[in-house]
Amino acid sequence: MSTELPESSVPPPTAVDEPSSAPTRRTFIATTTAVGGVVVASGAIGGTLLFDDEVAAAEAPPESRVSLTVNGTRRTVTVDNRTSLLDLLREHFGLTGSKKGCNAGACGACTVLVDGRRVNSCLTLAVRLEGAEVTTIEGLADGDELHPLQQAFIDEDAFQCGYCTPGQIMSGVGCIQEGHTGSPEEIREWMSGNICRCGCYVKIVRAVEQTAGRK
């Protein structure tokens, strides 16, 4: 009698387990930790170089001492060479009448007079104004008596929100001093660097014209 088992009943040979090539979660964490330790150690070894770079980056920017006259008062201050006249007036001298609008010289809200000429104070470096005379909106009135153009702005209702008004008035004063007030068209041309988002241009021109006529 044959003792051979049928082919279907013979159990398949047991395969020898081979190590998996894919890393396990435990292996990945252990490897990452080891690599991280090496990186940290390398940073500690080269710490002096990194520290020197950080110190160099944190060094204070160059400063200069500048003396100028603002609204009749002599001022002397040491400032970062990158400080604009606008920031000097607002942040160092507390003269916040001049407004920071675009900070790019496009709106005219920061207009002041430097040695009698109109400038965008946001584009003017303070350190270049040694010995200059600066007039801001705060320096126009004579005590309680408003400058004629300030009064004209009130009389003509030449403002709404008022944000651009200091720059408009300073530009208008410069425009009058320069003699560019022969006609409304000329005033508009020479005041075109001052933007009023409320659209009070007609009344602004009228106020400048009224003041120029008085003079």
C-alpha atoms as a PDB file:
ATOM      1  CA  MET A   1       0.000   0.000   0.000  1.00  0.00           C
ATOM      2  CA  SER A   2       1.430   3.355  -1.005  1.00  0.00           C
ATOM      3  CA  THR A   3       2.022   5.922   1.727  1.00  0.00           C
ATOM      4  CA  GLU A   4       2.620   8.836  -0.689  1.00  0.00           C
ATOM      5  CA  LEU A   5       0.352  11.786   0.060  1.00  0.00           C
ATOM      6  CA  PRO A   6      -1.569  13.492  -2.687  1.00  0.00           C
ATOM      7  CA  GLU A   7       0.248  16.508  -4.187  1.00  0.00           C
ATOM      8  CA  SER A   8      -2.394  18.928  -2.943  1.00  0.00           C
ATOM      9  CA  SER A   9      -1.987  17.806   0.640  1.00  0.00           C
ATOM     10  CA  VAL A  10       1.778  18.299   0.795  1.00  0.00           C
ATOM     11  CA  PRO A  11       2.481  21.489   2.786  1.00  0.00           C
ATOM     12  CA  PRO A  12       4.523  24.131   0.916  1.00  0.00           C
ATOM     13  CA  PRO A  13       8.107  24.591   2.019  1.00  0.00           C
ATOM     14  CA  THR A  14       8.581  27.197   4.691  1.00  0.00           C
ATOM     15  CA  ALA A  15      10.446  30.250   3.333  1.00  0.00           C
ATOM     16  CA  VAL A  16      13.276  31.693   5.371  1.00  0.00           C
ATOM     17  CA  ASP A  17      12.370  35.267   6.413  1.00  0.00           C
ATOM     18  CA  GLU A  18      14.741  37.818   4.916  1.00  0.00           C
ATOM     19  CA  PRO A  19      15.309  41.206   6.577  1.00  0.00           C
ATOM     20  CA  SER A  20      13.098  43.952   5.070  1.00  0.00           C
ATOM     21  CA  SER A  21      14.902  46.682   3.154  1.00  0.00           C
ATOM     22  CA  ALA A  22      12.307  49.340   4.188  1.00  0.00           C
ATOM     23  CA  PRO A  23      13.184  51.164   7.445  1.00  0.00           C
ATOM     24  CA  THR A  24      10.880  50.715  10.359  1.00  0.00           C
ATOM     25  CA  ARG A  25       9.454  53.654  12.315  1.00  0.00           C
ATOM     26  CA  ARG A  26      11.777  52.863  15.205  1.00  0.00           C
ATOM     27  CA  THR A  27      14.823  52.744  12.904  1.00  0.00           C
ATOM     28  CA  PHE A  28      13.844  56.075  11.263  1.00  0.00           C
ATOM     29  CA  ILE A  29      13.494  57.835  14.617  1.00  0.00           C
ATOM     30  CA  ALA A  30      16.782  56.469  15.887  1.00  0.00           C
ATOM     31  CA  THR A  31      18.608  57.494  12.716  1.00  0.00           C
ATOM     32  CA  THR A  32      17.100  60.986  12.713  1.00  0.00           C
ATOM     33  CA  THR A  33      18.061  61.501  16.348  1.00  0.00           C
ATOM     34  CA  ALA A  34      21.622  60.428  15.683  1.00  0.00           C
ATOM     35  CA  VAL A  35      21.976  62.743  12.670  1.00  0.00           C
ATOM     36  CA  GLY A  36      20.455  65.619  14.609  1.00  0.00           C
ATOM     37  CA  GLY A  37      22.977  65.120  17.371  1.00  0.00           C
ATOM     38  CA  VAL A  38      25.812  65.302  14.893  1.00  0.00           C
ATOM     39  CA  VAL A  39      24.451  68.552  13.433  1.00  0.00           C
ATOM     40  CA  VAL A  40      24.067  70.115  16.873  1.00  0.00           C
ATOM     41  CA  ALA A  41      27.542  69.028  17.836  1.00  0.00           C
ATOM     42  CA  SER A  42      28.935  70.525  14.624  1.00  0.00           C
ATOM     43  CA  GLY A  43      27.177  73.782  15.384  1.00  0.00           C
ATOM     44  CA  ALA A  44      28.642  73.775  18.881  1.00  0.00           C
ATOM     45  CA  ILE A  45      32.127  73.167  17.516  1.00  0.00           C
ATOM     46  CA  GLY A  46      31.754  76.008  15.002  1.00  0.00           C
ATOM     47  CA  GLY A  47      29.873  78.177  17.461  1.00  0.00           C
ATOM     48  CA  THR A  48      32.500  80.888  17.440  1.00  0.00           C
ATOM     49  CA  LEU A  49      32.089  81.502  13.721  1.00  0.00           C
ATOM     50  CA  LEU A  50      28.288  81.585  13.970  1.00  0.00           C
ATOM     51  CA  PHE A  51      28.464  83.923  16.939  1.00  0.00           C
ATOM     52  CA  ASP A  52      30.809  86.284  15.118  1.00  0.00           C
ATOM     53  CA  ASP A  53      28.420  86.427  12.141  1.00  0.00           C
ATOM     54  CA  GLU A  54      25.494  87.217  14.415  1.00  0.00           C
ATOM     55  CA  VAL A  55      27.408  89.974  16.156  1.00  0.00           C
ATOM     56  CA  ALA A  56      28.405  91.494  12.826  1.00  0.00           C
ATOM     57  CA  ALA A  57      24.775  91.442  11.668  1.00  0.00           C
ATOM     58  CA  ALA A  58      23.600  93.049  14.884  1.00  0.00           C
ATOM     59  CA  GLU A  59      26.074  95.920  14.822  1.00  0.00           C
ATOM     60  CA  ALA A  60      24.445  99.325  15.059  1.00  0.00           C
ATOM     61  CA  PRO A  61      24.113 101.218  11.749  1.00  0.00           C
ATOM     62  CA  PRO A  62      26.275 104.309  11.243  1.00  0.00           C
ATOM     63  CA  GLU A  63      25.013 107.503  12.851  1.00  0.00           C
ATOM     64  CA  SER A  64      25.708 111.173  12.293  1.00  0.00           C
ATOM     65  CA  ARG A  65      25.180 114.375  14.219  1.00  0.00           C
ATOM     66  CA  VAL A  66      23.146 117.027  12.445  1.00  0.00           C
ATOM     67  CA  SER A  67      22.126 120.548  13.433  1.00  0.00           C
ATOM     68  CA  LEU A  68      19.232 122.306  11.748  1.00  0.00           C
ATOM     69  CA  THR A  69      16.647 124.946  12.506  1.00  0.00           C
ATOM     70  CA  VAL A  70      13.046 123.719  12.711  1.00  0.00           C
ATOM     71  CA  ASN A  71      10.290 126.329  12.927  1.00  0.00           C
ATOM     72  CA  GLY A  72      12.791 128.890  14.235  1.00  0.00           C
ATOM     73  CA  THR A  73      14.335 126.628  16.878  1.00  0.00           C
ATOM     74  CA  ARG A  74      17.863 125.291  16.530  1.00  0.00           C
ATOM     75  CA  ARG A  75      17.974 121.502  16.960  1.00  0.00           C
ATOM     76  CA  THR A  76      20.948 119.172  17.220  1.00  0.00           C
ATOM     77  CA  VAL A  77      20.476 115.421  17.175  1.00  0.00           C
ATOM     78  CA  THR A  78      22.390 112.218  16.425  1.00  0.00           C
ATOM     79  CA  VAL A  79      20.463 109.935  14.085  1.00  0.00           C
ATOM     80  CA  ASP A  80      20.825 106.819  11.983  1.00  0.00           C
ATOM     81  CA  ASN A  81      22.135 107.912   8.587  1.00  0.00           C
ATOM     82  CA  ARG A  82      19.062 106.325   6.969  1.00  0.00           C
ATOM     83  CA  THR A  83      16.581 108.479   8.901  1.00  0.00           C
ATOM     84  CA  SER A  84      14.316 110.552   6.697  1.00  0.00           C
ATOM     85  CA  LEU A  85      13.431 114.141   7.508  1.00  0.00           C
ATOM     86  CA  LEU A  86       9.838 112.997   7.998  1.00  0.00           C
ATOM     87  CA  ASP A  87      10.811 110.432  10.644  1.00  0.00           C
ATOM     88  CA  LEU A  88      13.112 112.948  12.293  1.00  0.00           C
ATOM     89  CA  LEU A  89      10.257 115.441  12.591  1.00  0.00           C
ATOM     90  CA  ARG A  90       7.660 112.940  13.760  1.00  0.00           C
ATOM     91  CA  GLU A  91       9.639 110.509  15.905  1.00  0.00           C
ATOM     92  CA  HIS A  92      12.451 112.649  17.300  1.00  0.00           C
ATOM     93  CA  PHE A  93      10.899 116.119  17.495  1.00  0.00           C
ATOM     94  CA  GLY A  94       7.243 115.174  18.067  1.00  0.00           C
ATOM     95  CA  LEU A  95       6.061 117.295  15.116  1.00  0.00           C
ATOM     96  CA  THR A  96       3.362 114.978  13.797  1.00  0.00           C
ATOM     97  CA  GLY A  97       1.594 117.509  11.582  1.00  0.00           C
ATOM     98  CA  SER A  98       3.513 116.281   8.545  1.00  0.00           C
ATOM     99  CA  LYS A  99       1.842 113.027   7.540  1.00  0.00           C
ATOM    100  CA  LYS A 100       3.303 109.771   6.281  1.00  0.00           C
ATOM    101  CA  GLY A 101       1.137 108.755   3.343  1.00  0.00           C
ATOM    102  CA  CYS A 102       2.804 106.734   0.607  1.00  0.00           C
ATOM    103  CA  ASN A 103       6.338 107.119   2.032  1.00  0.00           C
ATOM    104  CA  ALA A 104       7.517 107.149  -1.591  1.00  0.00           C
ATOM    105  CA  GLY A 105       7.212 110.801  -2.584  1.00  0.00           C
ATOM    106  CA  ALA A 106       4.036 110.281  -4.612  1.00  0.00           C
ATOM    107  CA  CYS A 107       1.252 111.791  -2.479  1.00  0.00           C
ATOM    108  CA  GLY A 108       2.702 115.001  -1.010  1.00  0.00           C
ATOM    109  CA  ALA A 109       1.208 114.522   2.462  1.00  0.00           C
ATOM    110  CA  CYS A 110       4.666 114.993   3.996  1.00  0.00           C
ATOM    111  CA  THR A 111       5.510 118.261   2.196  1.00  0.00           C
ATOM    112  CA  VAL A 112       7.561 120.760   4.219  1.00  0.00           C
ATOM    113  CA  LEU A 113       9.722 123.747   3.329  1.00  0.00           C
ATOM    114  CA  VAL A 114      13.507 123.449   3.451  1.00  0.00           C
ATOM    115  CA  ASP A 115      15.236 126.793   3.017  1.00  0.00           C
ATOM    116  CA  GLY A 116      11.970 128.081   1.549  1.00  0.00           C
ATOM    117  CA  ARG A 117      11.602 125.321  -1.054  1.00  0.00           C
ATOM    118  CA  ARG A 118       9.043 122.536  -1.086  1.00  0.00           C
ATOM    119  CA  VAL A 119      10.376 119.032  -0.463  1.00  0.00           C
ATOM    120  CA  ASN A 120       8.906 115.610   0.182  1.00  0.00           C
ATOM    121  CA  SER A 121      10.274 114.978   3.655  1.00  0.00           C
ATOM    122  CA  CYS A 122       9.839 111.208   3.298  1.00  0.00           C
ATOM    123  CA  LEU A 123      12.498 111.200   0.554  1.00  0.00           C
ATOM    124  CA  THR A 124      14.895 113.647   2.195  1.00  0.00           C
ATOM    125  CA  LEU A 125      17.702 112.271   4.388  1.00  0.00           C
ATOM    126  CA  ALA A 126      17.966 114.182   7.634  1.00  0.00           C
ATOM    127  CA  VAL A 127      21.770 113.982   7.721  1.00  0.00           C
ATOM    128  CA  ARG A 128      21.969 116.010   4.501  1.00  0.00           C
ATOM    129  CA  LEU A 129      20.286 119.017   6.103  1.00  0.00           C
ATOM    130  CA  GLU A 130      23.157 120.354   8.185  1.00  0.00           C
ATOM    131  CA  GLY A 131      22.485 124.063   8.754  1.00  0.00           C
ATOM    132  CA  ALA A 132      19.146 124.002   6.886  1.00  0.00           C
ATOM    133  CA  GLU A 133      15.993 125.842   7.927  1.00  0.00           C
ATOM    134  CA  VAL A 134      12.900 123.646   7.975  1.00  0.00           C
ATOM    135  CA  THR A 135       9.335 124.900   8.244  1.00  0.00           C
ATOM    136  CA  THR A 136       6.474 122.522   9.004  1.00  0.00           C
ATOM    137  CA  ILE A 137       2.745 123.069   9.337  1.00  0.00           C
ATOM    138  CA  GLU A 138       3.279 123.703  13.075  1.00  0.00           C
ATOM    139  CA  GLY A 139       5.520 126.662  12.276  1.00  0.00           C
ATOM    140  CA  LEU A 140       3.151 128.621  10.014  1.00  0.00           C
ATOM    141  CA  ALA A 141       0.883 130.238  12.590  1.00  0.00           C
ATOM    142  CA  ASP A 142       2.028 133.286  14.530  1.00  0.00           C
ATOM    143  CA  GLY A 143       0.877 132.373  18.003  1.00  0.00           C
ATOM    144  CA  ASP A 144      -2.906 132.142  17.880  1.00  0.00           C
ATOM    145  CA  GLU A 145      -3.052 133.889  14.504  1.00  0.00           C
ATOM    146  CA  LEU A 146      -3.266 131.428  11.624  1.00  0.00           C
ATOM    147  CA  HIS A 147      -1.247 131.797   8.460  1.00  0.00           C
ATOM    148  CA  PRO A 148      -3.393 133.387   5.712  1.00  0.00           C
ATOM    149  CA  LEU A 149      -3.470 130.105   3.745  1.00  0.00           C
ATOM    150  CA  GLN A 150      -4.542 128.156   6.820  1.00  0.00           C
ATOM    151  CA  GLN A 151      -7.391 130.615   7.286  1.00  0.00           C
ATOM    152  CA  ALA A 152      -8.250 130.403   3.582  1.00  0.00           C
ATOM    153  CA  PHE A 153      -8.552 126.619   3.817  1.00  0.00           C
ATOM    154  CA  ILE A 154     -11.093 127.135   6.583  1.00  0.00           C
ATOM    155  CA  ASP A 155     -12.934 129.870   4.720  1.00  0.00           C
ATOM    156  CA  GLU A 156     -13.154 127.809   1.521  1.00  0.00           C
ATOM    157  CA  ASP A 157     -13.843 124.507   3.322  1.00  0.00           C
ATOM    158  CA  ALA A 158     -10.902 123.093   1.394  1.00  0.00           C
ATOM    159  CA  PHE A 159     -10.621 119.791   3.241  1.00  0.00           C
ATOM    160  CA  GLN A 160     -12.668 116.790   4.344  1.00  0.00           C
ATOM    161  CA  CYS A 161     -10.753 114.074   6.184  1.00  0.00           C
ATOM    162  CA  GLY A 162      -7.813 116.461   6.626  1.00  0.00           C
ATOM    163  CA  TYR A 163      -5.050 113.883   6.260  1.00  0.00           C
ATOM    164  CA  CYS A 164      -3.486 115.562   3.241  1.00  0.00           C
ATOM    165  CA  THR A 165      -4.212 119.101   4.462  1.00  0.00           C
ATOM    166  CA  PRO A 166      -0.843 119.861   6.146  1.00  0.00           C
ATOM    167  CA  GLY A 167       1.002 118.868   2.976  1.00  0.00           C
ATOM    168  CA  GLN A 168      -1.476 120.764   0.794  1.00  0.00           C
ATOM    169  CA  ILE A 169      -1.046 123.932   2.838  1.00  0.00           C
ATOM    170  CA  MET A 170       2.753 123.700   2.893  1.00  0.00           C
ATOM    171  CA  SER A 171       2.811 123.090  -0.836  1.00  0.00           C
ATOM    172  CA  GLY A 172       0.409 125.996  -1.335  1.00  0.00           C
ATOM    173  CA  VAL A 173       2.669 128.322   0.668  1.00  0.00           C
ATOM    174  CA  GLY A 174       5.606 127.253  -1.482  1.00  0.00           C
ATOM    175  CA  CYS A 175       3.571 127.700  -4.632  1.00  0.00           C
ATOM    176  CA  ILE A 176       2.707 131.269  -3.627  1.00  0.00           C
ATOM    177  CA  GLN A 177       6.318 132.095  -2.704  1.00  0.00           C
ATOM    178  CA  GLU A 178       7.498 130.741  -6.055  1.00  0.00           C
ATOM    179  CA  GLY A 179       5.005 132.934  -7.900  1.00  0.00           C
ATOM    180  CA  HIS A 180       3.090 130.098  -9.582  1.00  0.00           C
ATOM    181  CA  THR A 181      -0.365 131.510  -8.960  1.00  0.00           C
ATOM    182  CA  GLY A 182      -1.128 133.361 -12.192  1.00  0.00           C
ATOM    183  CA  SER A 183      -4.258 131.329 -12.887  1.00  0.00           C
ATOM    184  CA  PRO A 184      -6.225 128.374 -11.479  1.00  0.00           C
ATOM    185  CA  GLU A 185      -4.658 126.213 -14.169  1.00  0.00           C
ATOM    186  CA  GLU A 186      -1.157 127.232 -13.118  1.00  0.00           C
ATOM    187  CA  ILE A 187      -1.958 126.576  -9.469  1.00  0.00           C
ATOM    188  CA  ARG A 188      -3.293 123.114 -10.319  1.00  0.00           C
ATOM    189  CA  GLU A 189      -0.160 122.355 -12.323  1.00  0.00           C
ATOM    190  CA  TRP A 190       2.234 123.397  -9.568  1.00  0.00           C
ATOM    191  CA  MET A 191       0.142 121.708  -6.864  1.00  0.00           C
ATOM    192  CA  SER A 192      -0.234 118.488  -8.829  1.00  0.00           C
ATOM    193  CA  GLY A 193       2.223 116.634  -6.586  1.00  0.00           C
ATOM    194  CA  ASN A 194      -0.255 116.800  -3.702  1.00  0.00           C
ATOM    195  CA  ILE A 195      -3.045 114.249  -3.824  1.00  0.00           C
ATOM    196  CA  CYS A 196      -6.415 114.694  -2.087  1.00  0.00           C
ATOM    197  CA  ARG A 197      -8.347 111.434  -2.028  1.00  0.00           C
ATOM    198  CA  CYS A 198     -11.453 113.319  -0.892  1.00  0.00           C
ATOM    199  CA  GLY A 199     -11.364 115.330  -4.122  1.00  0.00           C
ATOM    200  CA  CYS A 200     -11.271 118.862  -2.716  1.00  0.00           C
ATOM    201  CA  TYR A 201      -9.098 120.193  -5.524  1.00  0.00           C
ATOM    202  CA  VAL A 202     -11.429 123.002  -6.632  1.00  0.00           C
ATOM    203  CA  LYS A 203     -11.603 124.441  -3.126  1.00  0.00           C
ATOM    204  CA  ILE A 204      -7.889 123.948  -2.527  1.00  0.00           C
ATOM    205  CA  VAL A 205      -7.072 125.923  -5.668  1.00  0.00           C
ATOM    206  CA  ARG A 206      -9.549 128.574  -4.608  1.00  0.00           C
ATOM    207  CA  ALA A 207      -7.875 128.875  -1.180  1.00  0.00           C
ATOM    208  CA  VAL A 208      -4.426 129.260  -2.738  1.00  0.00           C
ATOM    209  CA  GLU A 209      -5.771 131.789  -5.235  1.00  0.00           C
ATOM    210  CA  GLN A 210      -7.489 133.744  -2.453  1.00  0.00           C
ATOM    211  CA  THR A 211      -4.289 133.891  -0.371  1.00  0.00           C
ATOM    212  CA  ALA A 212      -2.128 134.848  -3.340  1.00  0.00           C
ATOM    213  CA  GLY A 213      -4.582 137.660  -4.156  1.00  0.00           C
ATOM    214  CA  ARG A 214      -4.279 139.059  -0.648  1.00  0.00           C
ATOM    215  CA  LYS A 215      -0.526 139.185  -0.946  1.00  0.00           C
END
